[in-house]
Amino acid sequence: MFNCMETTLFRTAPFAGLTGVYAVDPIHSTIGLSVRYGMVTNVRGKFTAFEGIVKLDGECPTRSEAYLSVQTCSVDTGYPERDEHVTGPDFLDAATFPLMSFRSGGFLRAGHDRFRMAGYLLIKDIELPVHVDLGFRGASRDAHGRNRVGFTGTATLQRSDWGLDSKRALATGGVLISDKVKVTLDIRAVRLDQAHGS
């Protein structure tokens, strides 16, 4: 973990003054996923029901924390039959495991406004370490006077690590669905420790 006492870089813009607790705004945020299908194309989707908390430390961003909970039944790939398969027993098994969650374990600075976040992803009662590459996209004040912040992120997962390992083979070689899943985050969060309209 980086020691923020070693430099004043972390006490400068764009993070100065952002210390606080923020709630992820699901209306203006996206958790997307992409997986190679049939060895020739990518299938993309997203989760539509989730909530999260970000605890920002503006003096030392690497001491910040993040938590996210996602309803596994909320997958939307644009094709209902495929969504049923993804949320069924072969993959997320949403009837048995309605939630998956992420909790951060630490941050490393990777640039002026970029970080590498270590954390733990829980799917189907299996919790494993993951890394997320994060980019800070800015801060603003909305029409109600509330502070908002934005982040983007990417991570690559091996779905078989969590037992999501349907391995249907193709006659031409390879598998129908790749083991690698790319996750993309576009997160907007609103500060909670402010009076409405302040």
C-alpha atoms as a PDB file:
ATOM      1  CA  MET A   1       0.000   0.000   0.000  1.00  0.00           C
ATOM      2  CA  PHE A   2       1.331   3.428  -0.932  1.00  0.00           C
ATOM      3  CA  ASN A   3       2.230   5.661   2.011  1.00  0.00           C
ATOM      4  CA  CYS A   4       0.590   9.032   1.418  1.00  0.00           C
ATOM      5  CA  MET A   5       2.918  10.725   3.901  1.00  0.00           C
ATOM      6  CA  GLU A   6       5.756  10.373   1.370  1.00  0.00           C
ATOM      7  CA  THR A   7       4.391  12.938  -1.086  1.00  0.00           C
ATOM      8  CA  THR A   8       2.066  15.912  -1.366  1.00  0.00           C
ATOM      9  CA  LEU A   9       0.820  14.746  -4.780  1.00  0.00           C
ATOM     10  CA  PHE A  10      -2.286  13.184  -3.253  1.00  0.00           C
ATOM     11  CA  ARG A  11      -3.304  16.440  -1.588  1.00  0.00           C
ATOM     12  CA  THR A  12      -3.668  18.302  -4.863  1.00  0.00           C
ATOM     13  CA  ALA A  13      -6.437  18.432  -7.449  1.00  0.00           C
ATOM     14  CA  PRO A  14      -8.439  16.600  -8.609  1.00  0.00           C
ATOM     15  CA  PHE A  15      -9.083  14.953  -5.216  1.00  0.00           C
ATOM     16  CA  ALA A  16      -8.811  17.841  -2.760  1.00  0.00           C
ATOM     17  CA  GLY A  17     -12.111  18.456  -0.996  1.00  0.00           C
ATOM     18  CA  LEU A  18     -13.750  15.198  -2.124  1.00  0.00           C
ATOM     19  CA  THR A  19     -13.528  13.364   1.212  1.00  0.00           C
ATOM     20  CA  GLY A  20     -16.898  11.845   2.062  1.00  0.00           C
ATOM     21  CA  VAL A  21     -19.277   8.931   1.664  1.00  0.00           C
ATOM     22  CA  TYR A  22     -20.915   8.536  -1.743  1.00  0.00           C
ATOM     23  CA  ALA A  23     -23.764   6.295  -2.899  1.00  0.00           C
ATOM     24  CA  VAL A  24     -23.581   4.797  -6.381  1.00  0.00           C
ATOM     25  CA  ASP A  25     -26.333   6.258  -8.561  1.00  0.00           C
ATOM     26  CA  PRO A  26     -27.730   3.257 -10.482  1.00  0.00           C
ATOM     27  CA  ILE A  27     -29.697   5.444 -12.877  1.00  0.00           C
ATOM     28  CA  HIS A  28     -26.537   7.112 -14.166  1.00  0.00           C
ATOM     29  CA  SER A  29     -24.149   4.167 -13.741  1.00  0.00           C
ATOM     30  CA  THR A  30     -23.494   1.041 -15.794  1.00  0.00           C
ATOM     31  CA  ILE A  31     -22.014  -2.349 -14.945  1.00  0.00           C
ATOM     32  CA  GLY A  32     -21.353  -4.010 -18.279  1.00  0.00           C
ATOM     33  CA  LEU A  33     -19.943  -7.326 -19.371  1.00  0.00           C
ATOM     34  CA  SER A  34     -18.609  -8.742 -22.621  1.00  0.00           C
ATOM     35  CA  VAL A  35     -17.758 -12.341 -23.510  1.00  0.00           C
ATOM     36  CA  ARG A  36     -16.460 -13.989 -26.679  1.00  0.00           C
ATOM     37  CA  TYR A  37     -19.189 -16.153 -28.233  1.00  0.00           C
ATOM     38  CA  GLY A  38     -18.860 -18.838 -30.879  1.00  0.00           C
ATOM     39  CA  MET A  39     -15.184 -17.880 -31.362  1.00  0.00           C
ATOM     40  CA  VAL A  40     -16.254 -15.145 -33.799  1.00  0.00           C
ATOM     41  CA  THR A  41     -18.100 -12.372 -31.956  1.00  0.00           C
ATOM     42  CA  ASN A  42     -18.642 -10.707 -28.593  1.00  0.00           C
ATOM     43  CA  VAL A  43     -21.895 -10.765 -26.663  1.00  0.00           C
ATOM     44  CA  ARG A  44     -22.441  -7.734 -24.451  1.00  0.00           C
ATOM     45  CA  GLY A  45     -24.786  -7.180 -21.573  1.00  0.00           C
ATOM     46  CA  LYS A  46     -25.235  -5.324 -18.322  1.00  0.00           C
ATOM     47  CA  PHE A  47     -26.645  -5.624 -14.828  1.00  0.00           C
ATOM     48  CA  THR A  48     -29.620  -3.347 -14.208  1.00  0.00           C
ATOM     49  CA  ALA A  49     -30.060  -3.655 -10.414  1.00  0.00           C
ATOM     50  CA  PHE A  50     -27.204  -2.809  -8.066  1.00  0.00           C
ATOM     51  CA  GLU A  51     -26.159  -0.529  -5.230  1.00  0.00           C
ATOM     52  CA  GLY A  52     -22.860   0.560  -3.777  1.00  0.00           C
ATOM     53  CA  ILE A  53     -20.958   2.832  -1.447  1.00  0.00           C
ATOM     54  CA  VAL A  54     -17.700   4.686  -2.099  1.00  0.00           C
ATOM     55  CA  LYS A  55     -15.765   6.164   0.826  1.00  0.00           C
ATOM     56  CA  LEU A  56     -13.380   8.713  -0.630  1.00  0.00           C
ATOM     57  CA  ASP A  57     -10.350  10.044   1.176  1.00  0.00           C
ATOM     58  CA  GLY A  58      -9.418  13.253  -0.627  1.00  0.00           C
ATOM     59  CA  GLU A  59      -6.182  13.657   1.337  1.00  0.00           C
ATOM     60  CA  CYS A  60      -5.019  10.150   0.492  1.00  0.00           C
ATOM     61  CA  PRO A  61      -7.120   8.500  -2.266  1.00  0.00           C
ATOM     62  CA  THR A  62      -5.331   5.172  -1.822  1.00  0.00           C
ATOM     63  CA  ARG A  63      -7.041   4.877   1.572  1.00  0.00           C
ATOM     64  CA  SER A  64     -10.482   5.032  -0.057  1.00  0.00           C
ATOM     65  CA  GLU A  65     -12.933   2.117   0.060  1.00  0.00           C
ATOM     66  CA  ALA A  66     -15.593   0.739  -2.281  1.00  0.00           C
ATOM     67  CA  TYR A  67     -18.442  -1.731  -1.872  1.00  0.00           C
ATOM     68  CA  LEU A  68     -20.881  -3.000  -4.511  1.00  0.00           C
ATOM     69  CA  SER A  69     -23.826  -5.412  -4.448  1.00  0.00           C
ATOM     70  CA  VAL A  70     -25.461  -6.693  -7.659  1.00  0.00           C
ATOM     71  CA  GLN A  71     -28.712  -8.615  -8.146  1.00  0.00           C
ATOM     72  CA  THR A  72     -27.741 -11.615 -10.267  1.00  0.00           C
ATOM     73  CA  CYS A  73     -31.209 -11.885 -11.817  1.00  0.00           C
ATOM     74  CA  SER A  74     -30.810  -8.425 -13.396  1.00  0.00           C
ATOM     75  CA  VAL A  75     -28.660  -9.484 -16.368  1.00  0.00           C
ATOM     76  CA  ASP A  76     -29.797  -7.898 -19.620  1.00  0.00           C
ATOM     77  CA  THR A  77     -28.133  -9.022 -22.858  1.00  0.00           C
ATOM     78  CA  GLY A  78     -30.982  -7.891 -25.087  1.00  0.00           C
ATOM     79  CA  TYR A  79     -32.257 -11.454 -25.595  1.00  0.00           C
ATOM     80  CA  PRO A  80     -34.587 -12.935 -22.917  1.00  0.00           C
ATOM     81  CA  GLU A  81     -33.775 -16.592 -23.633  1.00  0.00           C
ATOM     82  CA  ARG A  82     -30.059 -15.900 -23.256  1.00  0.00           C
ATOM     83  CA  ASP A  83     -30.708 -13.958 -20.046  1.00  0.00           C
ATOM     84  CA  GLU A  84     -32.569 -16.987 -18.656  1.00  0.00           C
ATOM     85  CA  HIS A  85     -29.571 -19.181 -19.449  1.00  0.00           C
ATOM     86  CA  VAL A  86     -27.077 -16.770 -17.846  1.00  0.00           C
ATOM     87  CA  THR A  87     -29.150 -16.456 -14.670  1.00  0.00           C
ATOM     88  CA  GLY A  88     -29.887 -20.199 -14.571  1.00  0.00           C
ATOM     89  CA  PRO A  89     -28.015 -23.112 -12.906  1.00  0.00           C
ATOM     90  CA  ASP A  90     -25.259 -23.292 -15.577  1.00  0.00           C
ATOM     91  CA  PHE A  91     -24.021 -19.834 -14.681  1.00  0.00           C
ATOM     92  CA  LEU A  92     -25.175 -17.370 -11.994  1.00  0.00           C
ATOM     93  CA  ASP A  93     -27.965 -19.558 -10.538  1.00  0.00           C
ATOM     94  CA  ALA A  94     -29.854 -16.454  -9.434  1.00  0.00           C
ATOM     95  CA  ALA A  95     -32.625 -18.451  -7.734  1.00  0.00           C
ATOM     96  CA  THR A  96     -30.111 -19.870  -5.250  1.00  0.00           C
ATOM     97  CA  PHE A  97     -27.613 -16.983  -5.174  1.00  0.00           C
ATOM     98  CA  PRO A  98     -29.577 -13.745  -5.671  1.00  0.00           C
ATOM     99  CA  LEU A  99     -26.634 -11.428  -4.958  1.00  0.00           C
ATOM    100  CA  MET A 100     -22.997 -11.097  -5.874  1.00  0.00           C
ATOM    101  CA  SER A 101     -20.787  -8.528  -4.213  1.00  0.00           C
ATOM    102  CA  PHE A 102     -17.455  -6.746  -4.359  1.00  0.00           C
ATOM    103  CA  ARG A 103     -15.415  -5.148  -1.574  1.00  0.00           C
ATOM    104  CA  SER A 104     -12.178  -3.281  -2.079  1.00  0.00           C
ATOM    105  CA  GLY A 105      -8.999  -4.349  -0.338  1.00  0.00           C
ATOM    106  CA  GLY A 106      -6.608  -1.564  -1.339  1.00  0.00           C
ATOM    107  CA  PHE A 107      -5.603   0.973  -3.981  1.00  0.00           C
ATOM    108  CA  LEU A 108      -2.351   1.723  -5.764  1.00  0.00           C
ATOM    109  CA  ARG A 109      -1.703   4.908  -7.724  1.00  0.00           C
ATOM    110  CA  ALA A 110      -1.198   4.202 -11.441  1.00  0.00           C
ATOM    111  CA  GLY A 111      -1.094   7.763 -12.785  1.00  0.00           C
ATOM    112  CA  HIS A 112      -2.404  11.270 -12.181  1.00  0.00           C
ATOM    113  CA  ASP A 113      -6.035  10.144 -12.079  1.00  0.00           C
ATOM    114  CA  ARG A 114      -5.694   6.374 -12.406  1.00  0.00           C
ATOM    115  CA  PHE A 115      -5.612   3.607  -9.807  1.00  0.00           C
ATOM    116  CA  ARG A 116      -5.366  -0.153  -9.565  1.00  0.00           C
ATOM    117  CA  MET A 117      -7.915  -1.401  -7.064  1.00  0.00           C
ATOM    118  CA  ALA A 118      -7.458  -4.769  -5.387  1.00  0.00           C
ATOM    119  CA  GLY A 119     -10.562  -6.373  -3.986  1.00  0.00           C
ATOM    120  CA  TYR A 120     -12.658  -9.477  -3.478  1.00  0.00           C
ATOM    121  CA  LEU A 121     -15.549 -10.635  -5.662  1.00  0.00           C
ATOM    122  CA  LEU A 122     -18.168 -12.970  -4.204  1.00  0.00           C
ATOM    123  CA  ILE A 123     -20.198 -15.077  -6.656  1.00  0.00           C
ATOM    124  CA  LYS A 124     -22.150 -18.194  -5.655  1.00  0.00           C
ATOM    125  CA  ASP A 125     -20.551 -18.167  -2.163  1.00  0.00           C
ATOM    126  CA  ILE A 126     -17.039 -18.210  -3.691  1.00  0.00           C
ATOM    127  CA  GLU A 127     -14.986 -15.118  -2.820  1.00  0.00           C
ATOM    128  CA  LEU A 128     -11.792 -14.577  -4.827  1.00  0.00           C
ATOM    129  CA  PRO A 129      -9.339 -11.702  -5.288  1.00  0.00           C
ATOM    130  CA  VAL A 130      -9.681  -9.488  -8.369  1.00  0.00           C
ATOM    131  CA  HIS A 131      -8.018  -6.331  -9.681  1.00  0.00           C
ATOM    132  CA  VAL A 132      -9.845  -3.415 -11.261  1.00  0.00           C
ATOM    133  CA  ASP A 133      -8.159  -0.669 -13.300  1.00  0.00           C
ATOM    134  CA  LEU A 134      -9.872   2.591 -12.344  1.00  0.00           C
ATOM    135  CA  GLY A 135      -9.967   6.032 -13.902  1.00  0.00           C
ATOM    136  CA  PHE A 136     -11.250   9.131 -12.097  1.00  0.00           C
ATOM    137  CA  ARG A 137     -13.532  11.065 -14.446  1.00  0.00           C
ATOM    138  CA  GLY A 138     -14.183  14.186 -12.412  1.00  0.00           C
ATOM    139  CA  ALA A 139     -16.423  15.805  -9.821  1.00  0.00           C
ATOM    140  CA  SER A 140     -19.357  18.195 -10.124  1.00  0.00           C
ATOM    141  CA  ARG A 141     -22.246  19.718  -8.196  1.00  0.00           C
ATOM    142  CA  ASP A 142     -25.752  18.842  -9.388  1.00  0.00           C
ATOM    143  CA  ALA A 143     -28.866  21.044  -9.554  1.00  0.00           C
ATOM    144  CA  HIS A 144     -29.679  20.195  -5.923  1.00  0.00           C
ATOM    145  CA  GLY A 145     -26.267  21.262  -4.697  1.00  0.00           C
ATOM    146  CA  ARG A 146     -25.029  17.722  -4.081  1.00  0.00           C
ATOM    147  CA  ASN A 147     -21.493  16.686  -4.947  1.00  0.00           C
ATOM    148  CA  ARG A 148     -21.081  13.929  -7.506  1.00  0.00           C
ATOM    149  CA  VAL A 149     -18.022  11.998  -8.665  1.00  0.00           C
ATOM    150  CA  GLY A 150     -17.416   9.715 -11.625  1.00  0.00           C
ATOM    151  CA  PHE A 151     -15.200   6.701 -12.249  1.00  0.00           C
ATOM    152  CA  THR A 152     -14.630   4.170 -15.002  1.00  0.00           C
ATOM    153  CA  GLY A 153     -13.147   0.737 -14.525  1.00  0.00           C
ATOM    154  CA  THR A 154     -12.260  -2.511 -16.266  1.00  0.00           C
ATOM    155  CA  ALA A 155     -11.512  -6.023 -15.058  1.00  0.00           C
ATOM    156  CA  THR A 156     -11.057  -9.400 -16.734  1.00  0.00           C
ATOM    157  CA  LEU A 157     -12.413 -12.471 -14.948  1.00  0.00           C
ATOM    158  CA  GLN A 158     -12.114 -16.202 -15.504  1.00  0.00           C
ATOM    159  CA  ARG A 159     -15.707 -17.305 -14.969  1.00  0.00           C
ATOM    160  CA  SER A 160     -14.688 -20.907 -14.241  1.00  0.00           C
ATOM    161  CA  ASP A 161     -12.932 -19.669 -11.084  1.00  0.00           C
ATOM    162  CA  TRP A 162     -16.397 -19.116  -9.602  1.00  0.00           C
ATOM    163  CA  GLY A 163     -17.887 -22.318 -10.978  1.00  0.00           C
ATOM    164  CA  LEU A 164     -19.536 -20.611 -13.962  1.00  0.00           C
ATOM    165  CA  ASP A 165     -18.014 -23.202 -16.223  1.00  0.00           C
ATOM    166  CA  SER A 166     -20.378 -24.369 -18.923  1.00  0.00           C
ATOM    167  CA  LYS A 167     -17.896 -25.755 -21.497  1.00  0.00           C
ATOM    168  CA  ARG A 168     -19.970 -26.537 -24.538  1.00  0.00           C
ATOM    169  CA  ALA A 169     -17.529 -27.336 -27.366  1.00  0.00           C
ATOM    170  CA  LEU A 170     -17.806 -26.354 -31.017  1.00  0.00           C
ATOM    171  CA  ALA A 171     -17.474 -28.890 -33.826  1.00  0.00           C
ATOM    172  CA  THR A 172     -14.862 -26.658 -35.448  1.00  0.00           C
ATOM    173  CA  GLY A 173     -12.817 -26.484 -32.246  1.00  0.00           C
ATOM    174  CA  GLY A 174     -12.851 -24.184 -29.264  1.00  0.00           C
ATOM    175  CA  VAL A 175     -15.783 -23.512 -26.965  1.00  0.00           C
ATOM    176  CA  LEU A 176     -19.110 -21.798 -27.480  1.00  0.00           C
ATOM    177  CA  ILE A 177     -18.544 -19.283 -24.670  1.00  0.00           C
ATOM    178  CA  SER A 178     -15.098 -18.019 -23.688  1.00  0.00           C
ATOM    179  CA  ASP A 179     -13.935 -18.462 -20.116  1.00  0.00           C
ATOM    180  CA  LYS A 180     -12.812 -14.824 -20.046  1.00  0.00           C
ATOM    181  CA  VAL A 181     -15.373 -12.166 -19.189  1.00  0.00           C
ATOM    182  CA  LYS A 182     -14.547  -8.481 -19.469  1.00  0.00           C
ATOM    183  CA  VAL A 183     -16.313  -6.269 -16.946  1.00  0.00           C
ATOM    184  CA  THR A 184     -16.655  -2.525 -17.538  1.00  0.00           C
ATOM    185  CA  LEU A 185     -17.745   0.033 -14.967  1.00  0.00           C
ATOM    186  CA  ASP A 186     -19.068   3.525 -15.545  1.00  0.00           C
ATOM    187  CA  ILE A 187     -19.923   4.786 -12.091  1.00  0.00           C
ATOM    188  CA  ARG A 188     -21.491   8.017 -10.927  1.00  0.00           C
ATOM    189  CA  ALA A 189     -21.941   8.493  -7.187  1.00  0.00           C
ATOM    190  CA  VAL A 190     -23.578  11.187  -5.077  1.00  0.00           C
ATOM    191  CA  ARG A 191     -22.276  12.366  -1.714  1.00  0.00           C
ATOM    192  CA  LEU A 192     -24.476  11.327   1.208  1.00  0.00           C
ATOM    193  CA  ASP A 193     -23.178  13.447   4.082  1.00  0.00           C
ATOM    194  CA  GLN A 194     -24.787  16.633   2.818  1.00  0.00           C
ATOM    195  CA  ALA A 195     -28.172  18.163   3.514  1.00  0.00           C
ATOM    196  CA  HIS A 196     -30.504  18.055   0.506  1.00  0.00           C
ATOM    197  CA  GLY A 197     -30.147  21.262  -1.448  1.00  0.00           C
ATOM    198  CA  SER A 198     -27.105  22.430   0.491  1.00  0.00           C
END
